[in-house]
Amino acid sequence: MRILAVETSTLAGGAALLDGDRLVGEYVLNIRATHSERLMAAVDHLLHLSGWELGQLEGLAVAIGPGSFTGLRIGISAVKGLALGLGIPVAAVPTLDALAATLPFAAHPVCPVLDAKKGEVYASLYHWSGDAMSRDWEYLAVAPEALCDRLRGPVIFVGDAVETLGGLLRARLGDNARFAPAGRRQPSPGCVGALGHALLLAGQTVDASALTPLYLRPSEAELKRRRAPLVS
């Protein structure tokens, strides 16, 4: 099965092509430019270099969040359009699941942490079980201090919040705070594709019209609408 995977949950994102469980190509860029400026160009570039045609794709996988509200909308909108235009199935992959999957065979629990702004992080906890990562917690939007209070024993952290919260995590958890190498902390379109491939094979797909982001909390625009006074 030829799959296009899209990851736009954070600043670091891009696309990947997979042929079954084989990663054919992956494009990742970690810069302050919106995904709308680079996503479809990355897809075109990957298709060209692989020698694939857009019409040869048989499935799509997309990271649905939590993460950047704008980034998720861009990635999901692009995948919706492709799915409807090509008539192919879509696998919706939670971003934290894909982040944890970047560290297979980890000896300690893995905790992805993404900057959620407003003094919070998006997080969950995973452990390696059999041949995949198993999630132990619900998906959280939580203060870093509250996250630390939930953790016991050595934990490996991945995600973009590691850079800003490393000092706090070390102060609260001591030697139990372990950090993935910098090159393995960011979301991977290839991991989104690998998890998406398993979902597609299992028939666990999402109708393109029903594909929505996993936000965990309302956007700032939604909060402003809720606070706005009613006009009679």
Protein backbone atom coordinates (compact mmCIF):
# COMPACT_ATOMS: atom_id res chain seq x y z
CA MET A 1 0.00 0.00 0.00
CA ARG A 2 1.41 3.38 -1.05
CA ILE A 3 0.79 5.94 1.71
CA LEU A 4 1.33 9.67 2.06
CA ALA A 5 1.73 10.80 5.69
CA VAL A 6 1.42 14.41 6.84
CA GLU A 7 2.60 15.90 10.15
CA THR A 8 1.89 19.59 10.90
CA SER A 9 1.31 19.54 14.67
CA THR A 10 4.33 21.72 15.53
CA LEU A 11 6.87 23.94 13.78
CA ALA A 12 8.83 20.81 12.89
CA GLY A 13 6.78 18.94 10.34
CA GLY A 14 6.46 17.76 6.81
CA ALA A 15 5.49 14.68 4.85
CA ALA A 16 6.58 11.11 4.21
CA LEU A 17 5.92 8.41 1.63
CA LEU A 18 5.67 4.76 2.62
CA ASP A 19 5.28 1.62 0.55
CA GLY A 20 3.69 -0.67 3.10
CA ASP A 21 5.96 -0.54 6.14
CA ARG A 22 8.96 0.68 4.09
CA LEU A 23 9.81 4.36 4.42
CA VAL A 24 10.44 5.60 0.88
CA GLY A 25 11.14 9.22 1.71
CA GLU A 26 10.65 11.81 4.42
CA TYR A 27 10.76 15.61 4.41
CA VAL A 28 11.07 17.48 7.72
CA LEU A 29 11.74 21.16 8.26
CA ASN A 30 11.93 22.92 11.63
CA ILE A 31 11.64 26.63 10.89
CA ARG A 32 9.24 29.47 11.65
CA ALA A 33 7.35 29.31 8.38
CA THR A 34 3.74 28.25 8.17
CA HIS A 35 2.99 24.79 6.85
CA SER A 36 0.78 26.39 4.20
CA GLU A 37 3.97 27.74 2.60
CA ARG A 38 5.78 24.42 2.41
CA LEU A 39 3.53 21.38 2.86
CA MET A 40 2.29 20.79 -0.68
CA ALA A 41 5.69 21.74 -2.08
CA ALA A 42 7.19 19.02 0.15
CA VAL A 43 4.61 16.49 -1.07
CA ASP A 44 5.31 17.35 -4.72
CA HIS A 45 9.06 17.07 -4.11
CA LEU A 46 8.76 13.67 -2.46
CA LEU A 47 6.50 12.33 -5.21
CA HIS A 48 8.88 13.58 -7.90
CA LEU A 49 11.98 12.08 -6.30
CA SER A 50 10.25 8.75 -5.65
CA GLY A 51 8.92 8.52 -9.17
CA TRP A 52 5.37 8.20 -7.88
CA GLU A 53 2.28 9.85 -9.31
CA LEU A 54 -0.32 11.39 -7.02
CA GLY A 55 -2.92 9.02 -8.41
CA GLN A 56 -0.87 6.01 -7.30
CA LEU A 57 -1.45 6.77 -3.61
CA GLU A 58 -3.64 4.20 -1.88
CA GLY A 59 -3.95 5.68 1.59
CA LEU A 60 -3.31 8.78 3.67
CA ALA A 61 -2.20 9.28 7.26
CA VAL A 62 -2.32 12.55 9.14
CA ALA A 63 -1.37 13.70 12.63
CA ILE A 64 -4.54 15.06 14.25
CA GLY A 65 -3.05 16.62 17.38
CA PRO A 66 -2.94 17.87 19.96
CA GLY A 67 -0.64 20.62 18.77
CA SER A 68 -0.66 23.92 16.95
CA PHE A 69 -4.24 24.92 16.11
CA THR A 70 -3.18 26.55 12.83
CA GLY A 71 -0.75 23.80 11.84
CA LEU A 72 -3.30 21.05 12.44
CA ARG A 73 -5.95 22.83 10.38
CA ILE A 74 -3.52 23.16 7.47
CA GLY A 75 -2.45 19.51 7.51
CA ILE A 76 -5.94 18.11 7.98
CA SER A 77 -7.41 20.37 5.29
CA ALA A 78 -4.74 19.22 2.82
CA VAL A 79 -5.40 15.56 3.58
CA LYS A 80 -9.17 16.05 3.34
CA GLY A 81 -8.77 17.54 -0.11
CA LEU A 82 -6.51 14.72 -1.29
CA ALA A 83 -8.77 12.03 0.17
CA LEU A 84 -11.87 13.44 -1.50
CA GLY A 85 -10.10 14.06 -4.80
CA LEU A 86 -8.43 10.65 -4.96
CA GLY A 87 -11.14 8.62 -3.24
CA ILE A 88 -8.71 6.91 -0.86
CA PRO A 89 -8.97 6.13 2.88
CA VAL A 90 -7.52 8.22 5.71
CA ALA A 91 -5.96 7.14 9.01
CA ALA A 92 -6.10 9.67 11.85
CA VAL A 93 -3.00 9.41 14.07
CA PRO A 94 -2.79 11.19 17.45
CA THR A 95 0.37 13.30 17.55
CA LEU A 96 1.46 12.10 21.00
CA ASP A 97 1.20 8.47 19.84
CA ALA A 98 3.46 9.22 16.89
CA LEU A 99 5.94 11.06 19.10
CA ALA A 100 6.21 8.13 21.50
CA ALA A 101 6.73 5.80 18.53
CA THR A 102 9.98 7.57 17.69
CA LEU A 103 11.58 5.65 20.61
CA PRO A 104 10.80 1.96 20.04
CA PHE A 105 12.19 -0.61 22.50
CA ALA A 106 12.65 2.09 25.16
CA ALA A 107 13.56 0.53 28.49
CA HIS A 108 11.73 3.27 30.45
CA PRO A 109 8.34 4.93 30.00
CA VAL A 110 8.23 7.62 27.31
CA CYS A 111 6.49 10.94 27.95
CA PRO A 112 5.85 13.19 24.92
CA VAL A 113 5.50 16.86 25.90
CA LEU A 114 4.39 19.56 23.48
CA ASP A 115 4.13 23.26 24.23
CA ALA A 116 0.42 24.02 24.69
CA LYS A 117 0.99 27.71 25.54
CA LYS A 118 -0.76 29.37 28.50
CA GLY A 119 1.61 27.64 30.94
CA GLU A 120 0.59 24.11 29.93
CA VAL A 121 1.90 21.16 27.95
CA TYR A 122 0.16 18.45 25.98
CA ALA A 123 1.36 15.11 27.31
CA SER A 124 0.71 11.43 27.87
CA LEU A 125 2.72 8.40 29.03
CA TYR A 126 3.67 5.26 27.09
CA HIS A 127 5.62 2.04 27.55
CA TRP A 128 6.96 -0.46 25.05
CA SER A 129 4.80 -3.56 24.93
CA GLY A 130 5.31 -6.41 22.47
CA ASP A 131 5.92 -4.68 19.18
CA ALA A 132 4.39 -1.25 19.79
CA MET A 133 4.04 1.62 22.24
CA SER A 134 1.12 1.23 24.65
CA ARG A 135 -0.51 4.35 26.10
CA ASP A 136 -0.95 4.41 29.91
CA TRP A 137 -2.70 7.77 30.35
CA GLU A 138 -5.36 9.84 28.65
CA TYR A 139 -4.21 12.76 26.50
CA LEU A 140 -3.62 15.73 28.79
CA ALA A 141 -3.36 19.51 28.66
CA VAL A 142 -1.66 20.08 31.99
CA ALA A 143 0.71 22.38 33.89
CA PRO A 144 4.31 21.04 33.85
CA GLU A 145 4.38 20.89 37.66
CA ALA A 146 1.21 18.80 37.73
CA LEU A 147 2.70 16.51 35.09
CA CYS A 148 5.78 15.96 37.25
CA ASP A 149 3.58 15.08 40.23
CA ARG A 150 2.08 12.20 38.22
CA LEU A 151 5.41 10.65 37.23
CA ARG A 152 7.28 7.93 39.12
CA GLY A 153 10.69 6.48 38.30
CA PRO A 154 12.84 7.13 35.23
CA VAL A 155 10.99 8.71 32.30
CA ILE A 156 12.26 9.60 28.82
CA PHE A 157 10.93 12.90 27.48
CA VAL A 158 10.42 13.74 23.81
CA GLY A 159 8.74 16.72 22.13
CA ASP A 160 9.29 20.41 21.55
CA ALA A 161 8.63 21.37 25.20
CA VAL A 162 11.81 19.57 26.32
CA GLU A 163 13.95 22.51 25.22
CA THR A 164 12.14 25.03 27.42
CA LEU A 165 11.16 22.75 30.31
CA GLY A 166 14.34 20.71 30.66
CA GLY A 167 15.51 22.70 33.69
CA LEU A 168 12.17 22.36 35.48
CA LEU A 169 11.93 18.64 34.75
CA ARG A 170 15.46 18.05 36.09
CA ALA A 171 14.74 20.14 39.19
CA ARG A 172 11.52 18.26 39.97
CA LEU A 173 12.53 14.74 38.92
CA GLY A 174 16.31 14.69 39.31
CA ASP A 175 18.03 11.75 37.63
CA ASN A 176 14.65 10.25 36.77
CA ALA A 177 14.28 12.84 34.01
CA ARG A 178 15.87 11.42 30.86
CA PHE A 179 15.83 13.21 27.50
CA ALA A 180 15.84 11.80 24.00
CA PRO A 181 18.64 13.10 21.75
CA ALA A 182 17.74 16.43 20.13
CA GLY A 183 17.38 14.81 16.73
CA ARG A 184 14.75 12.37 18.06
CA ARG A 185 12.54 14.81 19.97
CA GLN A 186 10.46 16.21 17.13
CA PRO A 187 7.39 14.70 15.46
CA SER A 188 8.19 12.40 12.54
CA PRO A 189 6.00 12.14 9.42
CA GLY A 190 7.49 8.67 8.96
CA CYS A 191 6.18 7.54 12.37
CA VAL A 192 2.77 9.02 11.53
CA GLY A 193 2.87 6.95 8.35
CA ALA A 194 3.89 3.75 10.15
CA LEU A 195 1.07 4.06 12.68
CA GLY A 196 -1.29 5.09 9.91
CA HIS A 197 -0.34 2.02 7.86
CA ALA A 198 -1.33 -0.26 10.75
CA LEU A 199 -4.67 1.55 11.09
CA LEU A 200 -5.35 1.34 7.36
CA LEU A 201 -4.63 -2.40 7.32
CA ALA A 202 -7.00 -2.87 10.26
CA GLY A 203 -9.72 -0.92 8.48
CA GLN A 204 -9.67 1.76 11.19
CA THR A 205 -10.15 4.69 8.84
CA VAL A 206 -11.92 8.04 9.13
CA ASP A 207 -14.26 9.50 6.55
CA ALA A 208 -12.61 12.60 5.10
CA SER A 209 -15.65 14.75 5.86
CA ALA A 210 -15.49 13.70 9.53
CA LEU A 211 -11.75 14.28 9.97
CA THR A 212 -11.23 16.78 12.81
CA PRO A 213 -8.30 17.88 14.98
CA LEU A 214 -7.78 16.59 18.52
CA TYR A 215 -7.46 19.93 20.31
CA LEU A 216 -8.02 18.94 24.01
CA ARG A 217 -9.12 22.50 24.76
CA PRO A 218 -10.86 25.35 22.91
CA SER A 219 -8.88 27.62 20.61
CA GLU A 220 -8.33 31.27 21.57
CA ALA A 221 -10.84 32.28 18.90
CA GLU A 222 -13.43 29.96 20.41
CA LEU A 223 -12.77 31.29 23.91
CA LYS A 224 -13.22 34.86 22.63
CA ARG A 225 -16.53 33.89 21.05
CA ARG A 226 -17.68 32.38 24.33
CA ARG A 227 -16.69 35.52 26.26
CA ALA A 228 -18.30 37.92 23.77
CA PRO A 229 -21.51 39.50 25.07
CA LEU A 230 -24.74 38.54 23.36
CA VAL A 231 -26.19 41.25 21.16
CA SER A 232 -29.94 41.52 21.35
